[in-house]
Amino acid sequence: RMEHTIDMSTAIKFVYVHWVGTNVPFAKRGRFGVVSGSVKNLFNPFHLNIETNTESDLSESNIMTLLEETAGTTRKKVLDASEGIARPERGFTSTSSSKRGSSSGSSNLYSSTSVQKVSTGGGAVNFDDQVPAVIADVRNDSSDITWCLVSYQDNNLKKPYIIVLGSGAGTVAEIKERKLLGDDMVAYGLYRVTDVVDDIPTVKFVYIQWVGNDVKPLSKAKISTHKGALEEMFYVSL
């Protein structure tokens, strides 16, 4: 619980922290993922969700910065009395701008407008219209597309605009073959696979979150505020 002050008004904010140690085995992380949604519901409501394995991400200054970014505010200098008198009354307006993102290997059938999603546990994320379209293709059993990969346009996490990096009809090995992932980037993907249990084929979906080894700690903390919006876009059920 933290006190967050904006324009001389103090509000109480709650921060949910999900710590996953660097030595936790990959298989165990997957098992934790099954129950993480239920655990998170016990802590609701909260204003900020931080998932990290770095202690520096949990500093008070870092958390305050993320709260301000999530709320759409930034730190402002304190005005003196004369400036305060001359300062015009602030109006509240809503503006938006859409970018057109180019993506390597993505289909030209997808349009290039944008959609915004805001998670109850995090900040706003803008999605190019190609993103929900290619996710729908992966989830469509009659489609040949079995995987898709999306990421931040220009690797910019401060102004999150998600575009399609690529999609394909092969296995996850195709993602590595096409070298779509980098050590300094964050990406999200969906993979459709058919699992045979007792001679009965069952379609299953795998949600992928890639965080490169060179992604800075502050950036890792930042993407935790986008987690809810991304999971909602990918229809992730934990």
C-alpha atoms as a PDB file:
ATOM      1  CA  ARG A   1       0.000   0.000   0.000  1.00  0.00           C
ATOM      2  CA  MET A   2       1.367   3.374  -1.039  1.00  0.00           C
ATOM      3  CA  GLU A   3       0.249   6.981  -0.975  1.00  0.00           C
ATOM      4  CA  HIS A   4       0.252   8.569  -4.432  1.00  0.00           C
ATOM      5  CA  THR A   5      -0.008  12.365  -4.679  1.00  0.00           C
ATOM      6  CA  ILE A   6      -1.266  14.048  -7.862  1.00  0.00           C
ATOM      7  CA  ASP A   7      -1.957  17.805  -8.031  1.00  0.00           C
ATOM      8  CA  MET A   8      -1.946  18.110  -4.232  1.00  0.00           C
ATOM      9  CA  SER A   9      -4.477  15.289  -3.920  1.00  0.00           C
ATOM     10  CA  THR A  10      -3.356  12.133  -2.121  1.00  0.00           C
ATOM     11  CA  ALA A  11      -4.761   8.732  -3.032  1.00  0.00           C
ATOM     12  CA  ILE A  12      -4.081   5.264  -1.661  1.00  0.00           C
ATOM     13  CA  LYS A  13      -2.713   2.845  -4.267  1.00  0.00           C
ATOM     14  CA  PHE A  14      -2.204  -0.909  -4.026  1.00  0.00           C
ATOM     15  CA  VAL A  15       0.587  -2.788  -5.788  1.00  0.00           C
ATOM     16  CA  TYR A  16       0.452  -6.531  -6.477  1.00  0.00           C
ATOM     17  CA  VAL A  17       3.892  -8.173  -6.599  1.00  0.00           C
ATOM     18  CA  HIS A  18       4.555 -11.540  -8.254  1.00  0.00           C
ATOM     19  CA  TRP A  19       8.107 -12.716  -7.603  1.00  0.00           C
ATOM     20  CA  VAL A  20       9.572 -15.548  -9.681  1.00  0.00           C
ATOM     21  CA  GLY A  21      13.158 -16.357  -8.688  1.00  0.00           C
ATOM     22  CA  THR A  22      15.753 -16.816 -11.410  1.00  0.00           C
ATOM     23  CA  ASN A  23      16.455 -20.372 -10.224  1.00  0.00           C
ATOM     24  CA  VAL A  24      12.849 -21.554 -10.426  1.00  0.00           C
ATOM     25  CA  PRO A  25      12.804 -24.389 -13.032  1.00  0.00           C
ATOM     26  CA  PHE A  26      10.878 -23.772 -16.244  1.00  0.00           C
ATOM     27  CA  ALA A  27       8.480 -26.678 -15.630  1.00  0.00           C
ATOM     28  CA  LYS A  28       7.652 -25.382 -12.154  1.00  0.00           C
ATOM     29  CA  ARG A  29       6.979 -21.905 -13.550  1.00  0.00           C
ATOM     30  CA  GLY A  30       4.398 -23.478 -15.824  1.00  0.00           C
ATOM     31  CA  ARG A  31       2.681 -25.155 -12.870  1.00  0.00           C
ATOM     32  CA  PHE A  32       2.648 -21.880 -10.964  1.00  0.00           C
ATOM     33  CA  GLY A  33       1.021 -20.255 -13.997  1.00  0.00           C
ATOM     34  CA  VAL A  34      -1.996 -22.547 -13.599  1.00  0.00           C
ATOM     35  CA  VAL A  35      -2.815 -21.106 -10.163  1.00  0.00           C
ATOM     36  CA  SER A  36      -1.520 -17.550 -10.580  1.00  0.00           C
ATOM     37  CA  GLY A  37      -4.914 -16.256 -11.716  1.00  0.00           C
ATOM     38  CA  SER A  38      -6.633 -17.591  -8.601  1.00  0.00           C
ATOM     39  CA  VAL A  39      -3.934 -16.128  -6.366  1.00  0.00           C
ATOM     40  CA  LYS A  40      -4.193 -12.755  -8.095  1.00  0.00           C
ATOM     41  CA  ASN A  41      -7.955 -12.709  -7.525  1.00  0.00           C
ATOM     42  CA  LEU A  42      -7.350 -12.999  -3.781  1.00  0.00           C
ATOM     43  CA  PHE A  43      -5.336  -9.767  -3.876  1.00  0.00           C
ATOM     44  CA  ASN A  44      -7.799  -7.792  -6.015  1.00  0.00           C
ATOM     45  CA  PRO A  45      -8.339  -4.909  -6.386  1.00  0.00           C
ATOM     46  CA  PHE A  46      -4.970  -3.307  -7.087  1.00  0.00           C
ATOM     47  CA  HIS A  47      -3.666  -0.510  -9.293  1.00  0.00           C
ATOM     48  CA  LEU A  48      -0.332  -1.952 -10.419  1.00  0.00           C
ATOM     49  CA  ASN A  49       0.878  -5.474 -11.149  1.00  0.00           C
ATOM     50  CA  ILE A  50       4.636  -6.098 -10.958  1.00  0.00           C
ATOM     51  CA  GLU A  51       6.090  -9.444 -12.012  1.00  0.00           C
ATOM     52  CA  THR A  52       9.858  -9.539 -11.516  1.00  0.00           C
ATOM     53  CA  ASN A  53      12.912 -11.435 -10.338  1.00  0.00           C
ATOM     54  CA  THR A  54      15.011  -8.345  -9.638  1.00  0.00           C
ATOM     55  CA  GLU A  55      15.021  -6.662  -6.214  1.00  0.00           C
ATOM     56  CA  SER A  56      15.776  -3.238  -7.706  1.00  0.00           C
ATOM     57  CA  ASP A  57      12.379  -3.344  -9.447  1.00  0.00           C
ATOM     58  CA  LEU A  58      10.758  -3.191  -6.007  1.00  0.00           C
ATOM     59  CA  SER A  59      12.310   0.112  -4.941  1.00  0.00           C
ATOM     60  CA  GLU A  60       9.853   2.775  -3.806  1.00  0.00           C
ATOM     61  CA  SER A  61      11.013   5.211  -6.490  1.00  0.00           C
ATOM     62  CA  ASN A  62      10.566   2.645  -9.261  1.00  0.00           C
ATOM     63  CA  ILE A  63       7.104   1.663  -8.054  1.00  0.00           C
ATOM     64  CA  MET A  64       6.091   5.338  -7.815  1.00  0.00           C
ATOM     65  CA  THR A  65       7.303   5.944 -11.374  1.00  0.00           C
ATOM     66  CA  LEU A  66       5.258   2.994 -12.644  1.00  0.00           C
ATOM     67  CA  LEU A  67       2.177   4.184 -10.749  1.00  0.00           C
ATOM     68  CA  GLU A  68       2.490   7.598 -12.364  1.00  0.00           C
ATOM     69  CA  GLU A  69       2.930   6.111 -15.826  1.00  0.00           C
ATOM     70  CA  THR A  70      -0.022   3.784 -15.293  1.00  0.00           C
ATOM     71  CA  ALA A  71      -2.171   6.709 -14.181  1.00  0.00           C
ATOM     72  CA  GLY A  72      -1.051   8.716 -17.227  1.00  0.00           C
ATOM     73  CA  THR A  73       0.825  11.285 -15.169  1.00  0.00           C
ATOM     74  CA  THR A  74       4.445  12.368 -14.884  1.00  0.00           C
ATOM     75  CA  ARG A  75       6.362  14.152 -12.183  1.00  0.00           C
ATOM     76  CA  LYS A  76       5.960  17.955 -12.419  1.00  0.00           C
ATOM     77  CA  LYS A  77       8.015  20.725 -10.883  1.00  0.00           C
ATOM     78  CA  VAL A  78       6.436  22.610  -8.013  1.00  0.00           C
ATOM     79  CA  LEU A  79       5.205  26.011  -9.147  1.00  0.00           C
ATOM     80  CA  ASP A  80       5.844  29.061  -7.031  1.00  0.00           C
ATOM     81  CA  ALA A  81       2.994  31.363  -6.052  1.00  0.00           C
ATOM     82  CA  SER A  82       3.351  33.723  -9.030  1.00  0.00           C
ATOM     83  CA  GLU A  83       3.440  30.856 -11.515  1.00  0.00           C
ATOM     84  CA  GLY A  84       0.459  29.282  -9.863  1.00  0.00           C
ATOM     85  CA  ILE A  85      -1.615  32.454 -10.313  1.00  0.00           C
ATOM     86  CA  ALA A  86      -0.650  32.830 -13.949  1.00  0.00           C
ATOM     87  CA  ARG A  87      -1.211  29.196 -14.725  1.00  0.00           C
ATOM     88  CA  PRO A  88      -4.423  28.629 -16.723  1.00  0.00           C
ATOM     89  CA  GLU A  89      -6.991  26.184 -15.467  1.00  0.00           C
ATOM     90  CA  ARG A  90      -6.257  22.739 -16.789  1.00  0.00           C
ATOM     91  CA  GLY A  91      -8.856  21.205 -19.030  1.00  0.00           C
ATOM     92  CA  PHE A  92      -9.351  17.520 -19.548  1.00  0.00           C
ATOM     93  CA  THR A  93      -9.361  16.516 -23.164  1.00  0.00           C
ATOM     94  CA  SER A  94      -9.022  13.167 -24.838  1.00  0.00           C
ATOM     95  CA  THR A  95      -6.794  12.848 -27.857  1.00  0.00           C
ATOM     96  CA  SER A  96      -5.539   9.816 -29.694  1.00  0.00           C
ATOM     97  CA  SER A  97      -3.252   9.097 -32.563  1.00  0.00           C
ATOM     98  CA  SER A  98      -2.820   5.884 -34.483  1.00  0.00           C
ATOM     99  CA  LYS A  99       0.369   4.609 -36.016  1.00  0.00           C
ATOM    100  CA  ARG A 100       0.755   2.246 -38.860  1.00  0.00           C
ATOM    101  CA  GLY A 101       3.159  -0.527 -38.034  1.00  0.00           C
ATOM    102  CA  SER A 102       4.968  -2.620 -40.584  1.00  0.00           C
ATOM    103  CA  SER A 103       5.564  -6.225 -39.648  1.00  0.00           C
ATOM    104  CA  SER A 104       7.859  -8.738 -41.257  1.00  0.00           C
ATOM    105  CA  GLY A 105       6.187 -11.914 -42.398  1.00  0.00           C
ATOM    106  CA  SER A 106       2.648 -10.852 -41.501  1.00  0.00           C
ATOM    107  CA  SER A 107      -0.247 -11.179 -43.903  1.00  0.00           C
ATOM    108  CA  ASN A 108      -1.372  -8.186 -45.966  1.00  0.00           C
ATOM    109  CA  LEU A 109      -4.961  -9.237 -45.297  1.00  0.00           C
ATOM    110  CA  TYR A 110      -4.817  -7.486 -41.939  1.00  0.00           C
ATOM    111  CA  SER A 111      -5.700  -3.804 -41.679  1.00  0.00           C
ATOM    112  CA  SER A 112      -3.521  -1.215 -39.917  1.00  0.00           C
ATOM    113  CA  THR A 113      -5.780   0.719 -37.597  1.00  0.00           C
ATOM    114  CA  SER A 114      -5.512   0.335 -33.822  1.00  0.00           C
ATOM    115  CA  VAL A 115      -7.509  -0.795 -30.814  1.00  0.00           C
ATOM    116  CA  GLN A 116      -6.806   0.070 -27.185  1.00  0.00           C
ATOM    117  CA  LYS A 117      -7.251  -2.234 -24.221  1.00  0.00           C
ATOM    118  CA  VAL A 118      -6.951  -1.226 -20.575  1.00  0.00           C
ATOM    119  CA  SER A 119      -6.585  -3.938 -17.974  1.00  0.00           C
ATOM    120  CA  THR A 120      -8.056  -3.453 -14.500  1.00  0.00           C
ATOM    121  CA  GLY A 121      -4.614  -4.332 -13.122  1.00  0.00           C
ATOM    122  CA  GLY A 122      -2.427  -2.269 -15.420  1.00  0.00           C
ATOM    123  CA  GLY A 123      -1.976   0.434 -18.044  1.00  0.00           C
ATOM    124  CA  ALA A 124      -3.360   1.111 -21.500  1.00  0.00           C
ATOM    125  CA  VAL A 125      -1.887  -0.735 -24.467  1.00  0.00           C
ATOM    126  CA  ASN A 126      -2.611   0.065 -28.117  1.00  0.00           C
ATOM    127  CA  PHE A 127      -2.910  -2.798 -30.581  1.00  0.00           C
ATOM    128  CA  ASP A 128      -2.708  -2.631 -34.337  1.00  0.00           C
ATOM    129  CA  ASP A 129      -5.800  -4.267 -35.871  1.00  0.00           C
ATOM    130  CA  GLN A 130      -3.527  -6.917 -37.367  1.00  0.00           C
ATOM    131  CA  VAL A 131      -3.007  -8.300 -33.853  1.00  0.00           C
ATOM    132  CA  PRO A 132      -6.548  -9.536 -33.017  1.00  0.00           C
ATOM    133  CA  ALA A 133      -6.925 -10.679 -36.630  1.00  0.00           C
ATOM    134  CA  VAL A 134      -3.862 -12.936 -36.593  1.00  0.00           C
ATOM    135  CA  ILE A 135      -4.751 -14.266 -33.113  1.00  0.00           C
ATOM    136  CA  ALA A 136      -8.173 -15.205 -34.477  1.00  0.00           C
ATOM    137  CA  ASP A 137      -6.445 -17.063 -37.322  1.00  0.00           C
ATOM    138  CA  VAL A 138      -4.368 -19.111 -34.886  1.00  0.00           C
ATOM    139  CA  ARG A 139      -7.494 -19.997 -32.899  1.00  0.00           C
ATOM    140  CA  ASN A 140      -9.403 -20.962 -36.041  1.00  0.00           C
ATOM    141  CA  ASP A 141      -9.114 -24.744 -36.549  1.00  0.00           C
ATOM    142  CA  SER A 142      -9.798 -24.340 -40.265  1.00  0.00           C
ATOM    143  CA  SER A 143      -6.848 -21.951 -40.658  1.00  0.00           C
ATOM    144  CA  ASP A 144      -3.367 -23.111 -41.613  1.00  0.00           C
ATOM    145  CA  ILE A 145      -1.832 -20.488 -39.320  1.00  0.00           C
ATOM    146  CA  THR A 146      -0.551 -22.247 -36.179  1.00  0.00           C
ATOM    147  CA  TRP A 147       1.457 -19.472 -34.529  1.00  0.00           C
ATOM    148  CA  CYS A 148       1.816 -15.723 -34.336  1.00  0.00           C
ATOM    149  CA  LEU A 149       4.260 -13.370 -32.659  1.00  0.00           C
ATOM    150  CA  VAL A 150       3.727  -9.716 -31.706  1.00  0.00           C
ATOM    151  CA  SER A 151       5.893  -7.054 -30.105  1.00  0.00           C
ATOM    152  CA  TYR A 152       6.243  -3.334 -29.382  1.00  0.00           C
ATOM    153  CA  GLN A 153       6.671  -1.072 -32.396  1.00  0.00           C
ATOM    154  CA  ASP A 154      10.228   0.324 -32.459  1.00  0.00           C
ATOM    155  CA  ASN A 155      10.818  -1.586 -29.196  1.00  0.00           C
ATOM    156  CA  ASN A 156       9.148   1.355 -27.401  1.00  0.00           C
ATOM    157  CA  LEU A 157       7.639   0.277 -24.075  1.00  0.00           C
ATOM    158  CA  LYS A 158       6.804   3.804 -22.901  1.00  0.00           C
ATOM    159  CA  LYS A 159       4.238   4.242 -25.669  1.00  0.00           C
ATOM    160  CA  PRO A 160       3.071   0.650 -26.081  1.00  0.00           C
ATOM    161  CA  TYR A 161       1.836  -0.002 -29.602  1.00  0.00           C
ATOM    162  CA  ILE A 162       1.718  -3.712 -30.398  1.00  0.00           C
ATOM    163  CA  ILE A 163       2.296  -4.896 -33.967  1.00  0.00           C
ATOM    164  CA  VAL A 164       2.585  -8.306 -35.627  1.00  0.00           C
ATOM    165  CA  LEU A 165       6.132  -9.572 -36.069  1.00  0.00           C
ATOM    166  CA  GLY A 166       5.131 -12.649 -37.998  1.00  0.00           C
ATOM    167  CA  SER A 167       2.983 -15.747 -38.288  1.00  0.00           C
ATOM    168  CA  GLY A 168       3.285 -19.153 -39.864  1.00  0.00           C
ATOM    169  CA  ALA A 169       1.915 -22.637 -40.426  1.00  0.00           C
ATOM    170  CA  GLY A 170       4.828 -24.548 -38.895  1.00  0.00           C
ATOM    171  CA  THR A 171       5.942 -25.403 -35.374  1.00  0.00           C
ATOM    172  CA  VAL A 172       7.575 -23.123 -32.814  1.00  0.00           C
ATOM    173  CA  ALA A 173      10.887 -24.053 -34.430  1.00  0.00           C
ATOM    174  CA  GLU A 174       9.852 -21.821 -37.329  1.00  0.00           C
ATOM    175  CA  ILE A 175       9.951 -18.788 -35.001  1.00  0.00           C
ATOM    176  CA  LYS A 176      13.589 -19.504 -34.178  1.00  0.00           C
ATOM    177  CA  GLU A 177      14.449 -20.243 -37.807  1.00  0.00           C
ATOM    178  CA  ARG A 178      13.106 -16.858 -38.875  1.00  0.00           C
ATOM    179  CA  LYS A 179      15.106 -15.151 -36.090  1.00  0.00           C
ATOM    180  CA  LEU A 180      12.227 -12.951 -34.988  1.00  0.00           C
ATOM    181  CA  LEU A 181      13.360 -12.742 -31.353  1.00  0.00           C
ATOM    182  CA  GLY A 182      16.220 -10.673 -29.916  1.00  0.00           C
ATOM    183  CA  ASP A 183      17.993 -10.379 -26.580  1.00  0.00           C
ATOM    184  CA  ASP A 184      16.908  -6.745 -26.176  1.00  0.00           C
ATOM    185  CA  MET A 185      13.223  -7.173 -26.949  1.00  0.00           C
ATOM    186  CA  VAL A 186       9.930  -8.262 -25.425  1.00  0.00           C
ATOM    187  CA  ALA A 187       7.472 -10.291 -27.482  1.00  0.00           C
ATOM    188  CA  TYR A 188       4.242 -12.248 -27.066  1.00  0.00           C
ATOM    189  CA  GLY A 189       2.957 -15.170 -29.056  1.00  0.00           C
ATOM    190  CA  LEU A 190       0.303 -17.837 -29.446  1.00  0.00           C
ATOM    191  CA  TYR A 191       0.916 -21.389 -30.675  1.00  0.00           C
ATOM    192  CA  ARG A 192      -1.718 -23.979 -31.618  1.00  0.00           C
ATOM    193  CA  VAL A 193      -0.769 -27.603 -31.144  1.00  0.00           C
ATOM    194  CA  THR A 194      -2.709 -30.874 -31.361  1.00  0.00           C
ATOM    195  CA  ASP A 195      -2.247 -33.203 -28.407  1.00  0.00           C
ATOM    196  CA  VAL A 196      -3.386 -36.825 -28.663  1.00  0.00           C
ATOM    197  CA  VAL A 197      -4.725 -38.331 -25.442  1.00  0.00           C
ATOM    198  CA  ASP A 198      -6.161 -41.861 -25.527  1.00  0.00           C
ATOM    199  CA  ASP A 199      -6.232 -41.698 -29.321  1.00  0.00           C
ATOM    200  CA  ILE A 200      -8.363 -38.556 -29.146  1.00  0.00           C
ATOM    201  CA  PRO A 201      -6.815 -35.458 -30.754  1.00  0.00           C
ATOM    202  CA  THR A 202      -7.235 -32.330 -28.650  1.00  0.00           C
ATOM    203  CA  VAL A 203      -6.333 -28.814 -29.783  1.00  0.00           C
ATOM    204  CA  LYS A 204      -4.399 -26.831 -27.192  1.00  0.00           C
ATOM    205  CA  PHE A 205      -3.017 -23.299 -27.180  1.00  0.00           C
ATOM    206  CA  VAL A 206       0.268 -22.120 -25.720  1.00  0.00           C
ATOM    207  CA  TYR A 207       0.756 -18.475 -24.730  1.00  0.00           C
ATOM    208  CA  ILE A 208       4.360 -17.295 -25.050  1.00  0.00           C
ATOM    209  CA  GLN A 209       5.967 -14.301 -23.364  1.00  0.00           C
ATOM    210  CA  TRP A 210       9.533 -13.602 -24.447  1.00  0.00           C
ATOM    211  CA  VAL A 211      11.760 -11.308 -22.357  1.00  0.00           C
ATOM    212  CA  GLY A 212      15.296 -11.053 -23.737  1.00  0.00           C
ATOM    213  CA  ASN A 213      18.322 -11.319 -21.471  1.00  0.00           C
ATOM    214  CA  ASP A 214      19.339  -7.731 -22.247  1.00  0.00           C
ATOM    215  CA  VAL A 215      15.980  -6.153 -21.355  1.00  0.00           C
ATOM    216  CA  LYS A 216      16.622  -3.633 -18.560  1.00  0.00           C
ATOM    217  CA  PRO A 217      15.083  -4.150 -15.090  1.00  0.00           C
ATOM    218  CA  LEU A 218      12.954  -1.001 -15.360  1.00  0.00           C
ATOM    219  CA  SER A 219      11.599  -2.222 -18.692  1.00  0.00           C
ATOM    220  CA  LYS A 220      10.758  -5.596 -17.136  1.00  0.00           C
ATOM    221  CA  ALA A 221       8.809  -3.805 -14.445  1.00  0.00           C
ATOM    222  CA  LYS A 222       7.086  -1.673 -17.088  1.00  0.00           C
ATOM    223  CA  ILE A 223       5.822  -4.649 -19.094  1.00  0.00           C
ATOM    224  CA  SER A 224       4.230  -6.048 -15.953  1.00  0.00           C
ATOM    225  CA  THR A 225       1.742  -3.158 -16.208  1.00  0.00           C
ATOM    226  CA  HIS A 226       0.840  -4.374 -19.709  1.00  0.00           C
ATOM    227  CA  LYS A 227       0.384  -8.012 -18.725  1.00  0.00           C
ATOM    228  CA  GLY A 228      -3.363  -7.835 -18.120  1.00  0.00           C
ATOM    229  CA  ALA A 229      -4.121  -6.138 -21.446  1.00  0.00           C
ATOM    230  CA  LEU A 230      -1.963  -8.636 -23.361  1.00  0.00           C
ATOM    231  CA  GLU A 231      -3.562 -11.645 -21.666  1.00  0.00           C
ATOM    232  CA  GLU A 232      -7.018 -10.282 -22.418  1.00  0.00           C
ATOM    233  CA  MET A 233      -6.072  -9.810 -26.071  1.00  0.00           C
ATOM    234  CA  PHE A 234      -4.761 -13.376 -26.288  1.00  0.00           C
ATOM    235  CA  TYR A 235      -7.711 -14.776 -24.280  1.00  0.00           C
ATOM    236  CA  VAL A 236      -5.333 -16.268 -21.717  1.00  0.00           C
ATOM    237  CA  SER A 237      -7.187 -18.188 -19.001  1.00  0.00           C
ATOM    238  CA  LEU A 238      -5.034 -18.986 -15.957  1.00  0.00           C
END
